[in-house]
Amino acid sequence: MAGLDWGRQEKAKNYARIMRALAFLELGIAALFILVLLLTPLSTSLRNLLDFPQPLRVALYFATIMLCFAIVSAPLSLYRGFLLPRSFGLLSQRMRGWLLDGLKAGVLGLILGLGLGIMVFVYWLLANFPDLWWLLAAVFLILLTVVMTNLAPVIIVPLFYRMEPLADISLGERLVRFAERVGERVVGVFTINLSSKVTTGNAAIMGLGNTRRIVIGDTILGKYSHEEIEVIVAHELGHHVHRDIVKLIALQAATIMSGFYLTHLIVKSGIHHFGFNGISDVASFPLLAIALGGLGILMVPLTCAYTRHIESAADEYTLTLTHNPGGFTTVMSKLANQNLSEAKPARWVELLFYDHPPYFRRVARARQYKEGAG
């Protein structure tokens, strides 16, 4: 049975510590950027400078703000997203490819109506439905989430990774039969070339309905046995059997709706205090951002607690379905070693940052299952 590589664990602790510090630094930079816009004439001056019809004014305002923030945060983004993971051996991609992916993501956002398009729409709602904008905007984002979840494996993911039918026919047939055994239909088993960019291992069931498929990272193939890959897929099947995607979309819907409503109340009460012309004044965006961002931060521990709960339930399902606690423990150890996952983080770190149970809890549950089965 594979165990933890303690040398890798030391690297994992250092990597996690640095990433947490960078997360707080990134949050601080974003907060300072927004506060400067709110507490100085910069936002109103930019709005006055853009003397255009409202849709174009909103688009140009946010294009300018996004560009300025991208410039301010570029060094941190480069270090956190490229230099640091590459130095720890988690990223195999070269700088050119990394920058190209960033460009693709930006263009994709514009094509799909994200970013500027969403903000133009939100401010149109603010102008035309000042008392109901929060509800209409929330419904729009919820529907967009469902559409994006369905399109991800057929349109979005292939823009960044090559996805093709799994060459190992016996493994593919085994996994399809495995899914059918628990009443879950998939359109096939695919492999995704994660190794073109990262060294980490992952697998998933992507899509909804007629786009749902099992996807295995090529960083797992050849390093994990068929039985071990079956354990990983069993966990993903557990999410679908438990209808966790629907639950998470419902949670996101409730979070978005309540967050937008509270933001509506905060912005309405503070709009004139800061000298803005009304709730649809694009210059008031910093107030909107602070309200949404602050509420989002407060929701993180609650959201993480819920996702840890459903991940624990998927682990339980995996153990019950496979009756293979030894294989489960081996898989958890291999993934922790490969992905530089910290095995036993501090409790506060687990509560604030972890959307999965940490390694030590998952392995302890497998041990309990084995003892109960014995």
Protein backbone atom coordinates (compact mmCIF):
# COMPACT_ATOMS: atom_id res chain seq x y z
CA MET A 1 0.00 0.00 0.00
CA ALA A 2 1.45 3.36 -1.02
CA GLY A 3 2.00 5.84 1.79
CA LEU A 4 2.88 9.48 2.12
CA ASP A 5 6.21 10.71 0.86
CA TRP A 6 7.38 12.83 3.81
CA GLY A 7 9.84 14.72 1.65
CA ARG A 8 6.94 15.74 -0.59
CA GLN A 9 4.96 16.65 2.51
CA GLU A 10 7.59 19.18 3.56
CA LYS A 11 7.34 20.75 0.11
CA ALA A 12 3.54 20.64 0.36
CA LYS A 13 3.57 22.53 3.67
CA ASN A 14 5.88 25.21 2.26
CA TYR A 15 3.82 25.54 -0.91
CA ALA A 16 0.53 25.79 1.01
CA ARG A 17 1.99 28.38 3.40
CA ILE A 18 3.21 30.58 0.53
CA MET A 19 -0.07 30.23 -1.38
CA ARG A 20 -2.08 31.27 1.69
CA ALA A 21 0.10 34.33 2.17
CA LEU A 22 -0.33 35.23 -1.50
CA ALA A 23 -4.10 34.78 -1.24
CA PHE A 24 -4.24 37.30 1.62
CA LEU A 25 -1.93 39.64 -0.28
CA GLU A 26 -4.12 39.41 -3.39
CA LEU A 27 -7.18 40.16 -1.29
CA GLY A 28 -5.43 43.16 0.25
CA ILE A 29 -4.41 44.55 -3.14
CA ALA A 30 -7.96 44.19 -4.49
CA ALA A 31 -9.44 45.84 -1.39
CA LEU A 32 -6.96 48.74 -1.56
CA PHE A 33 -7.66 49.21 -5.27
CA ILE A 34 -11.41 49.41 -4.68
CA LEU A 35 -11.05 51.69 -1.64
CA VAL A 36 -8.92 54.12 -3.63
CA LEU A 37 -11.65 54.27 -6.27
CA LEU A 38 -14.33 54.78 -3.61
CA LEU A 39 -12.60 57.34 -1.41
CA THR A 40 -11.02 59.49 -4.10
CA PRO A 41 -12.55 61.31 -7.12
CA LEU A 42 -11.08 58.74 -9.52
CA SER A 43 -14.30 56.82 -10.13
CA THR A 44 -16.48 59.88 -10.68
CA SER A 45 -13.79 61.52 -12.84
CA LEU A 46 -13.61 58.43 -15.05
CA ARG A 47 -17.41 58.37 -15.36
CA ASN A 48 -17.47 62.09 -16.33
CA LEU A 49 -14.69 61.55 -18.85
CA LEU A 50 -16.70 58.84 -20.58
CA ASP A 51 -19.47 61.05 -21.96
CA PHE A 52 -21.28 58.35 -23.94
CA PRO A 53 -24.65 56.58 -23.84
CA GLN A 54 -24.97 54.42 -20.73
CA PRO A 55 -24.18 50.97 -22.25
CA LEU A 56 -20.98 52.22 -23.90
CA ARG A 57 -20.05 54.25 -20.82
CA VAL A 58 -20.41 51.17 -18.59
CA ALA A 59 -18.41 49.00 -21.01
CA LEU A 60 -15.57 51.54 -21.27
CA TYR A 61 -15.59 52.20 -17.51
CA PHE A 62 -15.15 48.51 -16.71
CA ALA A 63 -12.65 47.96 -19.51
CA THR A 64 -10.53 50.74 -17.99
CA ILE A 65 -10.92 49.45 -14.43
CA MET A 66 -10.12 45.86 -15.45
CA LEU A 67 -7.06 46.97 -17.41
CA CYS A 68 -5.75 49.07 -14.52
CA PHE A 69 -6.26 46.28 -12.01
CA ALA A 70 -4.65 43.76 -14.36
CA ILE A 71 -1.57 45.99 -14.55
CA VAL A 72 -1.45 46.50 -10.77
CA SER A 73 -1.88 42.81 -10.00
CA ALA A 74 0.22 41.45 -12.88
CA PRO A 75 3.40 40.75 -10.85
CA LEU A 76 1.44 38.85 -8.21
CA SER A 77 -0.57 36.95 -10.83
CA LEU A 78 2.62 35.96 -12.63
CA TYR A 79 4.28 34.76 -9.43
CA ARG A 80 1.25 32.98 -7.98
CA GLY A 81 -0.02 31.47 -11.21
CA PHE A 82 3.23 30.61 -13.00
CA LEU A 83 6.56 31.11 -11.24
CA LEU A 84 5.66 29.55 -7.88
CA PRO A 85 3.92 26.36 -9.10
CA ARG A 86 6.64 25.89 -11.70
CA SER A 87 9.35 26.18 -9.03
CA PHE A 88 7.58 23.46 -7.01
CA GLY A 89 7.29 21.19 -10.05
CA LEU A 90 3.50 21.45 -10.35
CA LEU A 91 3.50 23.34 -13.65
CA SER A 92 5.14 22.01 -16.80
CA GLN A 93 3.82 24.73 -19.11
CA ARG A 94 6.15 27.37 -20.51
CA MET A 95 5.59 31.10 -20.11
CA ARG A 96 4.34 31.56 -23.67
CA GLY A 97 1.65 28.91 -23.23
CA TRP A 98 0.62 30.29 -19.85
CA LEU A 99 0.22 33.80 -21.28
CA LEU A 100 -1.69 32.41 -24.28
CA ASP A 101 -4.11 30.62 -21.94
CA GLY A 102 -4.70 33.89 -20.10
CA LEU A 103 -5.44 35.59 -23.41
CA LYS A 104 -7.80 32.76 -24.41
CA ALA A 105 -9.66 33.07 -21.13
CA GLY A 106 -10.11 36.81 -21.64
CA VAL A 107 -11.33 36.44 -25.22
CA LEU A 108 -13.63 33.58 -24.23
CA GLY A 109 -15.15 35.74 -21.52
CA LEU A 110 -15.93 38.46 -24.05
CA ILE A 111 -17.36 36.02 -26.61
CA LEU A 112 -19.64 34.36 -24.07
CA GLY A 113 -20.85 37.69 -22.79
CA LEU A 114 -19.00 37.49 -19.50
CA GLY A 115 -17.09 40.31 -17.86
CA LEU A 116 -18.09 43.52 -19.64
CA GLY A 117 -21.31 42.04 -21.00
CA ILE A 118 -22.53 41.04 -17.55
CA MET A 119 -21.74 44.46 -16.09
CA VAL A 120 -23.51 46.27 -18.94
CA PHE A 121 -26.54 44.05 -18.33
CA VAL A 122 -26.43 44.55 -14.55
CA TYR A 123 -26.31 48.34 -14.91
CA TRP A 124 -29.14 48.22 -17.41
CA LEU A 125 -31.14 46.38 -14.73
CA LEU A 126 -30.08 48.93 -12.11
CA ALA A 127 -31.36 51.74 -14.34
CA ASN A 128 -34.63 50.11 -15.37
CA PHE A 129 -35.50 47.95 -12.35
CA PRO A 130 -33.87 49.72 -9.38
CA ASP A 131 -35.86 47.74 -6.81
CA LEU A 132 -35.74 44.33 -8.51
CA TRP A 133 -32.35 44.36 -10.24
CA TRP A 134 -30.85 42.05 -7.61
CA LEU A 135 -33.45 39.34 -8.29
CA LEU A 136 -33.24 39.58 -12.10
CA ALA A 137 -29.43 39.65 -12.06
CA ALA A 138 -29.33 36.63 -9.75
CA VAL A 139 -31.67 34.63 -11.99
CA PHE A 140 -29.55 35.51 -15.03
CA LEU A 141 -26.31 34.37 -13.34
CA ILE A 142 -27.92 31.14 -12.12
CA LEU A 143 -29.11 30.29 -15.64
CA LEU A 144 -25.68 31.17 -16.99
CA THR A 145 -24.09 28.77 -14.47
CA VAL A 146 -26.29 25.91 -15.67
CA VAL A 147 -25.51 26.63 -19.34
CA MET A 148 -21.77 26.87 -18.68
CA THR A 149 -21.78 23.59 -16.73
CA ASN A 150 -23.39 21.87 -19.70
CA LEU A 151 -21.10 23.46 -22.30
CA ALA A 152 -17.84 23.03 -20.38
CA PRO A 153 -16.77 19.59 -21.69
CA VAL A 154 -17.72 20.22 -25.33
CA ILE A 155 -16.73 23.85 -25.89
CA ILE A 156 -14.74 25.38 -23.05
CA VAL A 157 -12.34 22.69 -21.83
CA PRO A 158 -11.19 21.72 -25.37
CA LEU A 159 -10.00 25.30 -25.90
CA PHE A 160 -7.36 24.72 -23.24
CA TYR A 161 -6.78 20.97 -23.30
CA ARG A 162 -6.98 18.22 -25.89
CA MET A 163 -9.74 15.77 -25.00
CA GLU A 164 -10.11 12.49 -26.85
CA PRO A 165 -11.65 9.04 -26.31
CA LEU A 166 -9.64 6.91 -23.91
CA ALA A 167 -7.24 4.67 -25.87
CA ASP A 168 -7.34 1.94 -23.21
CA ILE A 169 -10.54 0.26 -24.42
CA SER A 170 -10.70 -2.26 -21.58
CA LEU A 171 -10.47 0.49 -18.94
CA GLY A 172 -13.06 2.58 -20.78
CA GLU A 173 -15.54 -0.28 -20.98
CA ARG A 174 -14.91 -1.12 -17.33
CA LEU A 175 -15.68 2.44 -16.22
CA VAL A 176 -18.81 2.70 -18.40
CA ARG A 177 -20.12 -0.56 -16.92
CA PHE A 178 -19.22 0.73 -13.49
CA ALA A 179 -21.31 3.86 -14.07
CA GLU A 180 -24.22 1.86 -15.47
CA ARG A 181 -24.12 -0.38 -12.40
CA VAL A 182 -25.15 2.55 -10.24
CA GLY A 183 -27.69 3.88 -12.76
CA GLU A 184 -25.61 6.74 -14.16
CA ARG A 185 -25.37 7.20 -17.94
CA VAL A 186 -22.28 8.72 -19.54
CA VAL A 187 -21.56 9.33 -23.21
CA GLY A 188 -18.10 7.80 -22.91
CA VAL A 189 -14.71 7.89 -21.23
CA PHE A 190 -12.18 10.49 -22.37
CA THR A 191 -8.62 11.42 -21.54
CA ILE A 192 -7.44 14.99 -21.17
CA ASN A 193 -3.81 16.01 -21.73
CA LEU A 194 -3.16 17.65 -18.37
CA SER A 195 0.54 16.81 -18.76
CA SER A 196 0.83 19.55 -21.40
CA LYS A 197 0.53 22.07 -18.59
CA VAL A 198 0.66 20.48 -15.14
CA THR A 199 2.05 17.47 -13.28
CA THR A 200 -0.93 17.12 -10.94
CA GLY A 201 -3.41 14.26 -11.24
CA ASN A 202 -7.15 14.62 -11.59
CA ALA A 203 -10.27 12.97 -12.96
CA ALA A 204 -13.86 14.10 -13.15
CA ILE A 205 -17.31 13.53 -14.57
CA MET A 206 -18.02 16.61 -16.66
CA GLY A 207 -21.19 17.99 -18.14
CA LEU A 208 -24.89 17.48 -17.66
CA GLY A 209 -27.35 15.22 -19.48
CA ASN A 210 -26.20 14.48 -23.03
CA THR A 211 -22.71 15.99 -22.46
CA ARG A 212 -21.87 14.04 -19.29
CA ARG A 213 -18.66 12.07 -19.63
CA ILE A 214 -15.92 10.51 -17.52
CA VAL A 215 -12.66 12.40 -18.01
CA ILE A 216 -9.31 10.98 -16.87
CA GLY A 217 -6.18 13.13 -16.74
CA ASP A 218 -3.24 11.63 -18.62
CA THR A 219 -1.14 12.40 -15.54
CA ILE A 220 -2.99 9.54 -13.83
CA LEU A 221 -2.89 6.99 -16.64
CA GLY A 222 0.08 4.66 -16.29
CA LYS A 223 0.68 5.74 -12.69
CA TYR A 224 -2.52 4.33 -11.21
CA SER A 225 -3.89 0.82 -11.65
CA HIS A 226 -7.31 0.21 -13.20
CA GLU A 227 -8.61 -0.62 -9.74
CA GLU A 228 -7.28 2.67 -8.35
CA ILE A 229 -8.78 4.67 -11.21
CA GLU A 230 -12.08 2.91 -10.50
CA VAL A 231 -11.87 4.19 -6.91
CA ILE A 232 -11.40 7.76 -8.19
CA VAL A 233 -14.33 7.42 -10.60
CA ALA A 234 -16.48 5.91 -7.82
CA HIS A 235 -16.00 9.11 -5.84
CA GLU A 236 -17.09 11.20 -8.83
CA LEU A 237 -20.08 8.91 -9.40
CA GLY A 238 -21.02 9.44 -5.77
CA HIS A 239 -21.50 13.13 -6.51
CA HIS A 240 -23.86 12.33 -9.37
CA VAL A 241 -25.78 9.66 -7.46
CA HIS A 242 -26.24 12.15 -4.62
CA ARG A 243 -27.20 14.87 -7.15
CA ASP A 244 -24.47 17.10 -5.74
CA ILE A 245 -24.21 19.22 -8.87
CA VAL A 246 -27.87 20.18 -8.50
CA LYS A 247 -27.33 20.82 -4.79
CA LEU A 248 -24.31 22.99 -5.46
CA ILE A 249 -26.16 24.97 -8.12
CA ALA A 250 -29.02 25.43 -5.64
CA LEU A 251 -26.55 26.56 -2.98
CA GLN A 252 -24.94 28.94 -5.44
CA ALA A 253 -28.38 30.24 -6.41
CA ALA A 254 -29.30 30.90 -2.77
CA THR A 255 -25.91 32.52 -2.13
CA ILE A 256 -26.13 34.74 -5.22
CA MET A 257 -29.71 35.77 -4.52
CA SER A 258 -29.18 36.57 -0.84
CA GLY A 259 -25.84 38.25 -1.58
CA PHE A 260 -27.34 40.44 -4.30
CA TYR A 261 -30.26 41.41 -2.07
CA LEU A 262 -28.00 42.41 0.82
CA THR A 263 -25.78 44.27 -1.65
CA HIS A 264 -28.88 46.10 -2.90
CA LEU A 265 -29.66 47.26 0.64
CA ILE A 266 -26.07 48.33 1.32
CA VAL A 267 -25.70 50.24 -1.95
CA LYS A 268 -29.06 51.99 -1.56
CA SER A 269 -28.19 53.15 1.95
CA GLY A 270 -24.70 54.36 1.04
CA ILE A 271 -25.14 55.75 -2.44
CA HIS A 272 -25.77 59.38 -1.51
CA HIS A 273 -23.28 59.35 1.36
CA PHE A 274 -20.50 59.03 -1.19
CA GLY A 275 -22.01 61.59 -3.56
CA PHE A 276 -23.07 59.30 -6.40
CA ASN A 277 -26.00 60.16 -8.68
CA GLY A 278 -28.03 57.06 -7.95
CA ILE A 279 -27.91 53.29 -7.83
CA SER A 280 -27.35 53.04 -11.60
CA ASP A 281 -24.43 55.50 -11.56
CA VAL A 282 -21.50 53.46 -12.85
CA ALA A 283 -19.17 55.50 -10.66
CA SER A 284 -20.75 53.77 -7.65
CA PHE A 285 -19.24 50.44 -8.70
CA PRO A 286 -16.61 50.50 -5.91
CA LEU A 287 -19.44 50.51 -3.34
CA LEU A 288 -21.13 47.63 -5.15
CA ALA A 289 -17.82 45.72 -5.28
CA ILE A 290 -17.10 46.21 -1.58
CA ALA A 291 -20.56 44.99 -0.62
CA LEU A 292 -20.46 41.94 -2.90
CA GLY A 293 -16.85 41.14 -2.06
CA GLY A 294 -17.34 41.50 1.68
CA LEU A 295 -20.41 39.29 1.69
CA GLY A 296 -18.60 36.76 -0.52
CA ILE A 297 -15.69 36.54 1.92
CA LEU A 298 -18.08 36.00 4.83
CA MET A 299 -19.73 33.15 2.92
CA VAL A 300 -16.48 31.28 2.18
CA PRO A 301 -16.27 29.30 5.45
CA LEU A 302 -19.93 28.27 5.19
CA THR A 303 -19.59 27.23 1.55
CA CYS A 304 -16.40 25.29 2.27
CA ALA A 305 -18.10 23.54 5.20
CA TYR A 306 -20.92 22.40 2.94
CA THR A 307 -18.63 21.21 0.15
CA ARG A 308 -16.50 19.30 2.68
CA HIS A 309 -19.72 17.64 3.81
CA ILE A 310 -20.70 16.47 0.34
CA GLU A 311 -17.13 15.37 -0.41
CA SER A 312 -17.18 13.27 2.78
CA ALA A 313 -20.46 11.73 1.64
CA ALA A 314 -18.88 10.92 -1.75
CA ASP A 315 -15.96 9.27 0.08
CA GLU A 316 -18.43 7.21 2.09
CA TYR A 317 -20.18 6.21 -1.12
CA THR A 318 -16.84 5.21 -2.66
CA LEU A 319 -15.99 2.93 0.25
CA THR A 320 -19.45 1.34 0.23
CA LEU A 321 -19.48 0.85 -3.55
CA THR A 322 -15.95 -0.52 -3.96
CA HIS A 323 -15.47 -2.24 -0.57
CA ASN A 324 -11.84 -1.31 -1.04
CA PRO A 325 -10.57 0.84 1.86
CA GLY A 326 -6.99 -0.19 1.11
CA GLY A 327 -7.27 0.98 -2.48
CA PHE A 328 -8.96 4.20 -1.32
CA THR A 329 -6.08 4.93 1.08
CA THR A 330 -3.51 4.18 -1.63
CA VAL A 331 -5.24 6.57 -4.03
CA MET A 332 -5.42 9.33 -1.41
CA SER A 333 -1.70 8.88 -0.67
CA LYS A 334 -0.71 8.91 -4.32
CA LEU A 335 -2.78 12.03 -5.04
CA ALA A 336 -1.38 13.82 -1.97
CA ASN A 337 2.17 13.00 -3.10
CA GLN A 338 1.55 13.93 -6.72
CA ASN A 339 -0.44 17.11 -6.11
CA LEU A 340 1.58 18.41 -3.15
CA SER A 341 -1.48 18.36 -0.89
CA GLU A 342 -0.84 19.12 2.76
CA ALA A 343 -1.87 16.02 4.71
CA LYS A 344 -2.81 17.61 8.04
CA PRO A 345 -3.32 21.37 7.88
CA ALA A 346 -4.07 23.51 10.92
CA ARG A 347 -7.73 23.56 11.89
CA TRP A 348 -8.20 27.24 10.96
CA VAL A 349 -6.65 26.56 7.55
CA GLU A 350 -9.02 23.66 6.99
CA LEU A 351 -12.04 25.78 7.93
CA LEU A 352 -11.10 28.74 5.73
CA PHE A 353 -9.43 27.17 2.70
CA TYR A 354 -10.41 23.53 2.29
CA ASP A 355 -13.41 22.57 0.14
CA HIS A 356 -12.41 18.87 0.51
CA PRO A 357 -11.65 17.02 3.73
CA PRO A 358 -7.86 16.94 4.24
CA TYR A 359 -5.94 13.72 3.69
CA PHE A 360 -5.78 12.65 7.33
CA ARG A 361 -9.58 12.75 7.73
CA ARG A 362 -10.20 10.79 4.54
CA VAL A 363 -7.71 8.09 5.43
CA ALA A 364 -9.09 7.88 8.98
CA ARG A 365 -12.56 7.29 7.53
CA ALA A 366 -11.21 4.47 5.33
CA ARG A 367 -9.60 2.92 8.40
CA GLN A 368 -12.88 3.10 10.30
CA TYR A 369 -14.69 1.46 7.38
CA LYS A 370 -12.12 -1.35 7.26
CA GLU A 371 -12.42 -1.97 10.98
CA GLY A 372 -16.22 -1.96 10.76
CA ALA A 373 -16.19 -4.32 7.79
CA GLY A 374 -13.75 -6.61 9.59
